[in-house]
PDB file of N, CA and C in Angstrom:
ATOM      1  N   MET A   1       0.861  -1.179   0.000  1.00  0.00           N
ATOM      2  CA  MET A   1       0.000   0.000   0.000  1.00  0.00           C
ATOM      3  C   MET A   1       0.906   1.239   0.000  1.00  0.00           C
ATOM      4  N   THR A   2       0.643   2.163  -0.895  1.00  0.00           N
ATOM      5  CA  THR A   2       1.443   3.381  -0.973  1.00  0.00           C
ATOM      6  C   THR A   2       1.026   4.346   0.132  1.00  0.00           C
ATOM      7  N   ASN A   3       1.847   5.368   0.347  1.00  0.00           N
ATOM      8  CA  ASN A   3       1.522   6.371   1.364  1.00  0.00           C
ATOM      9  C   ASN A   3       0.196   7.059   1.072  1.00  0.00           C
ATOM     10  N   LYS A   4      -0.039   7.381  -0.194  1.00  0.00           N
ATOM     11  CA  LYS A   4      -1.300   8.058  -0.553  1.00  0.00           C
ATOM     12  C   LYS A   4      -2.496   7.142  -0.302  1.00  0.00           C
ATOM     13  N   GLU A   5      -2.338   5.860  -0.616  1.00  0.00           N
ATOM     14  CA  GLU A   5      -3.423   4.913  -0.358  1.00  0.00           C
ATOM     15  C   GLU A   5      -3.671   4.761   1.135  1.00  0.00           C
ATOM     16  N   LEU A   6      -2.595   4.714   1.902  1.00  0.00           N
ATOM     17  CA  LEU A   6      -2.717   4.607   3.347  1.00  0.00           C
ATOM     18  C   LEU A   6      -3.388   5.844   3.928  1.00  0.00           C
ATOM     19  N   GLU A   7      -3.022   7.003   3.431  1.00  0.00           N
ATOM     20  CA  GLU A   7      -3.641   8.243   3.889  1.00  0.00           C
ATOM     21  C   GLU A   7      -5.135   8.256   3.551  1.00  0.00           C
ATOM     22  N   ALA A   8      -5.481   7.870   2.333  1.00  0.00           N
ATOM     23  CA  ALA A   8      -6.889   7.835   1.930  1.00  0.00           C
ATOM     24  C   ALA A   8      -7.662   6.845   2.801  1.00  0.00           C
ATOM     25  N   PHE A   9      -7.053   5.693   3.065  1.00  0.00           N
ATOM     26  CA  PHE A   9      -7.687   4.688   3.907  1.00  0.00           C
ATOM     27  C   PHE A   9      -7.903   5.235   5.310  1.00  0.00           C
ATOM     28  N   SER A  10      -6.901   5.895   5.879  1.00  0.00           N
ATOM     29  CA  SER A  10      -7.003   6.451   7.234  1.00  0.00           C
ATOM     30  C   SER A  10      -8.137   7.462   7.332  1.00  0.00           C
ATOM     31  N   TYR A  11      -8.232   8.351   6.364  1.00  0.00           N
ATOM     32  CA  TYR A  11      -9.300   9.349   6.394  1.00  0.00           C
ATOM     33  C   TYR A  11     -10.662   8.716   6.194  1.00  0.00           C
ATOM     34  N   SER A  12     -10.742   7.698   5.349  1.00  0.00           N
ATOM     35  CA  SER A  12     -12.007   7.004   5.129  1.00  0.00           C
ATOM     36  C   SER A  12     -12.474   6.311   6.402  1.00  0.00           C
ATOM     37  N   VAL A  13     -11.566   5.586   7.042  1.00  0.00           N
ATOM     38  CA  VAL A  13     -11.905   4.896   8.287  1.00  0.00           C
ATOM     39  C   VAL A  13     -12.277   5.908   9.360  1.00  0.00           C
ATOM     40  N   SER A  14     -11.527   6.991   9.426  1.00  0.00           N
ATOM     41  CA  SER A  14     -11.803   8.038  10.404  1.00  0.00           C
ATOM     42  C   SER A  14     -13.221   8.572  10.227  1.00  0.00           C
ATOM     43  N   HIS A  15     -13.584   8.872   9.001  1.00  0.00           N
ATOM     44  CA  HIS A  15     -14.916   9.393   8.717  1.00  0.00           C
ATOM     45  C   HIS A  15     -15.978   8.354   9.062  1.00  0.00           C
ATOM     46  N   ASP A  16     -15.739   7.111   8.679  1.00  0.00           N
ATOM     47  CA  ASP A  16     -16.704   6.047   8.942  1.00  0.00           C
ATOM     48  C   ASP A  16     -16.896   5.798  10.429  1.00  0.00           C
ATOM     49  N   LEU A  17     -15.865   6.004  11.228  1.00  0.00           N
ATOM     50  CA  LEU A  17     -15.981   5.813  12.673  1.00  0.00           C
ATOM     51  C   LEU A  17     -16.594   7.026  13.368  1.00  0.00           C
ATOM     52  N   ARG A  18     -16.328   8.192  12.852  1.00  0.00           N
ATOM     53  CA  ARG A  18     -16.841   9.408  13.501  1.00  0.00           C
ATOM     54  C   ARG A  18     -18.355   9.549  13.365  1.00  0.00           C
ATOM     55  N   ALA A  19     -18.913   9.164  12.248  1.00  0.00           N
ATOM     56  CA  ALA A  19     -20.361   9.341  12.032  1.00  0.00           C
ATOM     57  C   ALA A  19     -21.189   8.627  13.104  1.00  0.00           C
ATOM     58  N   PRO A  20     -20.938   7.342  13.374  1.00  0.00           N
ATOM     59  CA  PRO A  20     -21.738   6.713  14.433  1.00  0.00           C
ATOM     60  C   PRO A  20     -21.431   7.288  15.820  1.00  0.00           C
ATOM     61  N   LEU A  21     -20.212   7.724  16.044  1.00  0.00           N
ATOM     62  CA  LEU A  21     -19.886   8.334  17.338  1.00  0.00           C
ATOM     63  C   LEU A  21     -20.664   9.629  17.548  1.00  0.00           C
ATOM     64  N   ARG A  22     -20.770  10.425  16.486  1.00  0.00           N
ATOM     65  CA  ARG A  22     -21.554  11.670  16.599  1.00  0.00           C
ATOM     66  C   ARG A  22     -23.015  11.346  16.891  1.00  0.00           C
ATOM     67  N   ALA A  23     -23.529  10.291  16.267  1.00  0.00           N
ATOM     68  CA  ALA A  23     -24.920   9.903  16.512  1.00  0.00           C
ATOM     69  C   ALA A  23     -25.098   9.439  17.957  1.00  0.00           C
ATOM     70  N   ILE A  24     -24.190   8.616  18.447  1.00  0.00           N
ATOM     71  CA  ILE A  24     -24.275   8.137  19.827  1.00  0.00           C
ATOM     72  C   ILE A  24     -24.216   9.315  20.795  1.00  0.00           C
ATOM     73  N   ASP A  25     -23.285  10.217  20.578  1.00  0.00           N
ATOM     74  CA  ASP A  25     -23.153  11.375  21.456  1.00  0.00           C
ATOM     75  C   ASP A  25     -24.389  12.261  21.375  1.00  0.00           C
ATOM     76  N   GLY A  26     -24.867  12.510  20.175  1.00  0.00           N
ATOM     77  CA  GLY A  26     -26.028  13.382  20.002  1.00  0.00           C
ATOM     78  C   GLY A  26     -27.300  12.811  20.610  1.00  0.00           C
ATOM     79  N   PHE A  27     -27.556  11.531  20.362  1.00  0.00           N
ATOM     80  CA  PHE A  27     -28.764  10.923  20.919  1.00  0.00           C
ATOM     81  C   PHE A  27     -28.691  10.813  22.439  1.00  0.00           C
ATOM     82  N   SER A  28     -27.517  10.478  22.972  1.00  0.00           N
ATOM     83  CA  SER A  28     -27.406  10.383  24.426  1.00  0.00           C
ATOM     84  C   SER A  28     -27.549  11.764  25.067  1.00  0.00           C
ATOM     85  N   ARG A  29     -27.020  12.804  24.406  1.00  0.00           N
ATOM     86  CA  ARG A  29     -27.187  14.171  24.915  1.00  0.00           C
ATOM     87  C   ARG A  29     -28.661  14.555  24.907  1.00  0.00           C
ATOM     88  N   GLU A  30     -29.347  14.226  23.812  1.00  0.00           N
ATOM     89  CA  GLU A  30     -30.772  14.558  23.724  1.00  0.00           C
ATOM     90  C   GLU A  30     -31.584  13.830  24.792  1.00  0.00           C
ATOM     91  N   LEU A  31     -31.284  12.560  25.008  1.00  0.00           N
ATOM     92  CA  LEU A  31     -31.981  11.813  26.058  1.00  0.00           C
ATOM     93  C   LEU A  31     -31.740  12.444  27.423  1.00  0.00           C
ATOM     94  N   LEU A  32     -30.509  12.819  27.668  1.00  0.00           N
ATOM     95  CA  LEU A  32     -30.162  13.438  28.944  1.00  0.00           C
ATOM     96  C   LEU A  32     -30.904  14.754  29.134  1.00  0.00           C
ATOM     97  N   GLU A  33     -30.980  15.552  28.073  1.00  0.00           N
ATOM     98  CA  GLU A  33     -31.670  16.851  28.168  1.00  0.00           C
ATOM     99  C   GLU A  33     -33.186  16.685  28.274  1.00  0.00           C
ATOM    100  N   ARG A  34     -33.761  15.826  27.440  1.00  0.00           N
ATOM    101  CA  ARG A  34     -35.224  15.688  27.405  1.00  0.00           C
ATOM    102  C   ARG A  34     -35.794  14.973  28.623  1.00  0.00           C
ATOM    103  N   PHE A  35     -35.060  14.012  29.142  1.00  0.00           N
ATOM    104  CA  PHE A  35     -35.614  13.174  30.199  1.00  0.00           C
ATOM    105  C   PHE A  35     -34.856  13.298  31.524  1.00  0.00           C
ATOM    106  N   TYR A  36     -34.093  14.377  31.667  1.00  0.00           N
ATOM    107  CA  TYR A  36     -33.270  14.559  32.867  1.00  0.00           C
ATOM    108  C   TYR A  36     -34.091  14.393  34.140  1.00  0.00           C
ATOM    109  N   SER A  37     -35.227  15.043  34.200  1.00  0.00           N
ATOM    110  CA  SER A  37     -36.036  15.007  35.425  1.00  0.00           C
ATOM    111  C   SER A  37     -36.682  13.647  35.661  1.00  0.00           C
ATOM    112  N   LYS A  38     -36.800  12.829  34.623  1.00  0.00           N
ATOM    113  CA  LYS A  38     -37.429  11.516  34.764  1.00  0.00           C
ATOM    114  C   LYS A  38     -36.422  10.396  35.031  1.00  0.00           C
ATOM    115  N   LEU A  39     -35.138  10.695  34.825  1.00  0.00           N
ATOM    116  CA  LEU A  39     -34.109   9.682  35.028  1.00  0.00           C
ATOM    117  C   LEU A  39     -33.660   9.643  36.474  1.00  0.00           C
ATOM    118  N   ASP A  40     -33.381   8.434  36.975  1.00  0.00           N
ATOM    119  CA  ASP A  40     -32.757   8.342  38.285  1.00  0.00           C
ATOM    120  C   ASP A  40     -31.259   8.598  38.109  1.00  0.00           C
ATOM    121  N   GLU A  41     -30.545   8.646  39.209  1.00  0.00           N
ATOM    122  CA  GLU A  41     -29.111   8.959  39.133  1.00  0.00           C
ATOM    123  C   GLU A  41     -28.343   7.932  38.315  1.00  0.00           C
ATOM    124  N   SER A  42     -28.756   6.693  38.386  1.00  0.00           N
ATOM    125  CA  SER A  42     -28.091   5.645  37.617  1.00  0.00           C
ATOM    126  C   SER A  42     -28.256   5.874  36.111  1.00  0.00           C
ATOM    127  N   GLY A  43     -29.461   6.236  35.701  1.00  0.00           N
ATOM    128  CA  GLY A  43     -29.722   6.519  34.286  1.00  0.00           C
ATOM    129  C   GLY A  43     -28.941   7.728  33.800  1.00  0.00           C
ATOM    130  N   LYS A  44     -28.886   8.770  34.610  1.00  0.00           N
ATOM    131  CA  LYS A  44     -28.119   9.966  34.258  1.00  0.00           C
ATOM    132  C   LYS A  44     -26.636   9.628  34.134  1.00  0.00           C
ATOM    133  N   ASP A  45     -26.150   8.835  35.088  1.00  0.00           N
ATOM    134  CA  ASP A  45     -24.747   8.446  35.064  1.00  0.00           C
ATOM    135  C   ASP A  45     -24.439   7.596  33.829  1.00  0.00           C
ATOM    136  N   ASP A  46     -25.335   6.685  33.494  1.00  0.00           N
ATOM    137  CA  ASP A  46     -25.127   5.850  32.300  1.00  0.00           C
ATOM    138  C   ASP A  46     -24.999   6.711  31.044  1.00  0.00           C
ATOM    139  N   LEU A  47     -25.885   7.675  30.881  1.00  0.00           N
ATOM    140  CA  LEU A  47     -25.830   8.540  29.704  1.00  0.00           C
ATOM    141  C   LEU A  47     -24.574   9.399  29.690  1.00  0.00           C
ATOM    142  N   ARG A  48     -24.159   9.876  30.843  1.00  0.00           N
ATOM    143  CA  ARG A  48     -22.904  10.646  30.912  1.00  0.00           C
ATOM    144  C   ARG A  48     -21.711   9.775  30.533  1.00  0.00           C
ATOM    145  N   ARG A  49     -21.729   8.541  30.977  1.00  0.00           N
ATOM    146  CA  ARG A  49     -20.635   7.624  30.662  1.00  0.00           C
ATOM    147  C   ARG A  49     -20.610   7.296  29.168  1.00  0.00           C
ATOM    148  N   ILE A  50     -21.779   7.135  28.566  1.00  0.00           N
ATOM    149  CA  ILE A  50     -21.851   6.899  27.116  1.00  0.00           C
ATOM    150  C   ILE A  50     -21.234   8.075  26.368  1.00  0.00           C
ATOM    151  N   ARG A  51     -21.599   9.285  26.767  1.00  0.00           N
ATOM    152  CA  ARG A  51     -21.059  10.481  26.103  1.00  0.00           C
ATOM    153  C   ARG A  51     -19.561  10.596  26.298  1.00  0.00           C
ATOM    154  N   ALA A  52     -19.083  10.305  27.499  1.00  0.00           N
ATOM    155  CA  ALA A  52     -17.645  10.382  27.773  1.00  0.00           C
ATOM    156  C   ALA A  52     -16.888   9.342  26.941  1.00  0.00           C
ATOM    157  N   ALA A  53     -17.441   8.144  26.816  1.00  0.00           N
ATOM    158  CA  ALA A  53     -16.791   7.100  26.015  1.00  0.00           C
ATOM    159  C   ALA A  53     -16.745   7.487  24.540  1.00  0.00           C
ATOM    160  N   ALA A  54     -17.811   8.090  24.036  1.00  0.00           N
ATOM    161  CA  ALA A  54     -17.829   8.533  22.634  1.00  0.00           C
ATOM    162  C   ALA A  54     -16.773   9.622  22.412  1.00  0.00           C
ATOM    163  N   LYS A  55     -16.628  10.512  23.364  1.00  0.00           N
ATOM    164  CA  LYS A  55     -15.610  11.566  23.240  1.00  0.00           C
ATOM    165  C   LYS A  55     -14.200  10.992  23.297  1.00  0.00           C
ATOM    166  N   ARG A  56     -13.994   9.993  24.174  1.00  0.00           N
ATOM    167  CA  ARG A  56     -12.680   9.346  24.233  1.00  0.00           C
ATOM    168  C   ARG A  56     -12.363   8.650  22.916  1.00  0.00           C
ATOM    169  N   MET A  57     -13.351   7.975  22.346  1.00  0.00           N
ATOM    170  CA  MET A  57     -13.137   7.298  21.073  1.00  0.00           C
ATOM    171  C   MET A  57     -12.822   8.305  19.976  1.00  0.00           C
ATOM    172  N   ALA A  58     -13.503   9.433  19.950  1.00  0.00           N
ATOM    173  CA  ALA A  58     -13.212  10.473  18.960  1.00  0.00           C
ATOM    174  C   ALA A  58     -11.778  10.974  19.117  1.00  0.00           C
ATOM    175  N   GLN A  59     -11.333  11.130  20.366  1.00  0.00           N
ATOM    176  CA  GLN A  59      -9.958  11.572  20.608  1.00  0.00           C
ATOM    177  C   GLN A  59      -8.956  10.520  20.140  1.00  0.00           C
ATOM    178  N   LEU A  60      -9.262   9.255  20.355  1.00  0.00           N
ATOM    179  CA  LEU A  60      -8.385   8.183  19.873  1.00  0.00           C
ATOM    180  C   LEU A  60      -8.274   8.203  18.352  1.00  0.00           C
ATOM    181  N   ILE A  61      -9.376   8.453  17.677  1.00  0.00           N
ATOM    182  CA  ILE A  61      -9.353   8.547  16.211  1.00  0.00           C
ATOM    183  C   ILE A  61      -8.470   9.714  15.783  1.00  0.00           C
ATOM    184  N   ASP A  62      -8.640  10.859  16.439  1.00  0.00           N
ATOM    185  CA  ASP A  62      -7.801  12.024  16.125  1.00  0.00           C
ATOM    186  C   ASP A  62      -6.326  11.709  16.343  1.00  0.00           C
ATOM    187  N   ASP A  63      -6.029  11.039  17.449  1.00  0.00           N
ATOM    188  CA  ASP A  63      -4.640  10.707  17.759  1.00  0.00           C
ATOM    189  C   ASP A  63      -4.043   9.736  16.739  1.00  0.00           C
ATOM    190  N   LEU A  64      -4.831   8.774  16.304  1.00  0.00           N
ATOM    191  CA  LEU A  64      -4.352   7.835  15.284  1.00  0.00           C
ATOM    192  C   LEU A  64      -4.060   8.553  13.968  1.00  0.00           C
ATOM    193  N   LEU A  65      -4.915   9.497  13.611  1.00  0.00           N
ATOM    194  CA  LEU A  65      -4.669  10.271  12.390  1.00  0.00           C
ATOM    195  C   LEU A  65      -3.405  11.114  12.521  1.00  0.00           C
ATOM    196  N   LYS A  66      -3.200  11.713  13.680  1.00  0.00           N
ATOM    197  CA  LYS A  66      -1.972  12.497  13.904  1.00  0.00           C
ATOM    198  C   LYS A  66      -0.745  11.607  13.806  1.00  0.00           C
ATOM    199  N   LEU A  67      -0.821  10.426  14.404  1.00  0.00           N
ATOM    200  CA  LEU A  67       0.294   9.484  14.340  1.00  0.00           C
ATOM    201  C   LEU A  67       0.563   9.084  12.898  1.00  0.00           C
ATOM    202  N   SER A  68      -0.491   8.858  12.151  1.00  0.00           N
ATOM    203  CA  SER A  68      -0.346   8.502  10.741  1.00  0.00           C
ATOM    204  C   SER A  68       0.360   9.613   9.971  1.00  0.00           C
ATOM    205  N   ARG A  69      -0.013  10.868  10.244  1.00  0.00           N
ATOM    206  CA  ARG A  69       0.618  11.998   9.564  1.00  0.00           C
ATOM    207  C   ARG A  69       2.085  12.133   9.945  1.00  0.00           C
ATOM    208  N   VAL A  70       2.384  11.984  11.235  1.00  0.00           N
ATOM    209  CA  VAL A  70       3.762  12.098  11.706  1.00  0.00           C
ATOM    210  C   VAL A  70       4.614  10.997  11.103  1.00  0.00           C
ATOM    211  N   THR A  71       4.104   9.782  11.145  1.00  0.00           N
ATOM    212  CA  THR A  71       4.837   8.645  10.583  1.00  0.00           C
ATOM    213  C   THR A  71       5.069   8.833   9.098  1.00  0.00           C
ATOM    214  N   ARG A  72       4.032   9.291   8.397  1.00  0.00           N
ATOM    215  CA  ARG A  72       4.148   9.504   6.958  1.00  0.00           C
ATOM    216  C   ARG A  72       5.161  10.602   6.652  1.00  0.00           C
ATOM    217  N   SER A  73       5.134  11.696   7.423  1.00  0.00           N
ATOM    218  CA  SER A  73       6.070  12.794   7.156  1.00  0.00           C
ATOM    219  C   SER A  73       7.496  12.382   7.485  1.00  0.00           C
ATOM    220  N   GLU A  74       7.678  11.556   8.511  1.00  0.00           N
ATOM    221  CA  GLU A  74       9.015  11.066   8.829  1.00  0.00           C
ATOM    222  C   GLU A  74       9.534  10.165   7.715  1.00  0.00           C
ATOM    223  N   MET A  75       8.643   9.342   7.155  1.00  0.00           N
ATOM    224  CA  MET A  75       9.054   8.426   6.095  1.00  0.00           C
ATOM    225  C   MET A  75       9.391   9.180   4.817  1.00  0.00           C
ATOM    226  N   THR A  76       8.588  10.184   4.494  1.00  0.00           N
ATOM    227  CA  THR A  76       8.833  10.926   3.253  1.00  0.00           C
ATOM    228  C   THR A  76       9.935  11.949   3.430  1.00  0.00           C
ATOM    229  N   GLY A  77      10.232  12.362   4.665  1.00  0.00           N
ATOM    230  CA  GLY A  77      11.255  13.354   4.927  1.00  0.00           C
ATOM    231  C   GLY A  77      12.655  12.779   4.960  1.00  0.00           C
ATOM    232  N   ARG A  78      12.775  11.469   5.076  1.00  0.00           N
ATOM    233  CA  ARG A  78      14.104  10.834   5.130  1.00  0.00           C
ATOM    234  C   ARG A  78      14.717  10.755   3.741  1.00  0.00           C
ATOM    235  N   LYS A  79      16.010  10.920   3.709  1.00  0.00           N
ATOM    236  CA  LYS A  79      16.748  10.782   2.442  1.00  0.00           C
ATOM    237  C   LYS A  79      17.468   9.453   2.439  1.00  0.00           C
ATOM    238  N   SER A  80      17.490   8.807   1.294  1.00  0.00           N
ATOM    239  CA  SER A  80      18.197   7.538   1.175  1.00  0.00           C
ATOM    240  C   SER A  80      19.685   7.772   1.236  1.00  0.00           C
ATOM    241  N   ILE A  81      20.365   6.805   1.796  1.00  0.00           N
ATOM    242  CA  ILE A  81      21.826   6.911   1.880  1.00  0.00           C
ATOM    243  C   ILE A  81      22.438   6.069   0.789  1.00  0.00           C
TER     244      ILE A  81
END
């Protein structure tokens, strides 16, 4: 796989993973806002934990993309001896 193919693959996977994460975060936020007064503390905590996990996963995706860019730039920046 060439660097350009790897980059395209990374961005494609990133996009494919972010879409469901945004949906999970958005729906859990809406549930928390709409039903806050009807939820017990356990339900509120569960929704907060879902949102926190989605945010952590989004950060992991961002970090993987950064690592991919750094690795790619290091590989292309080296000169052959």
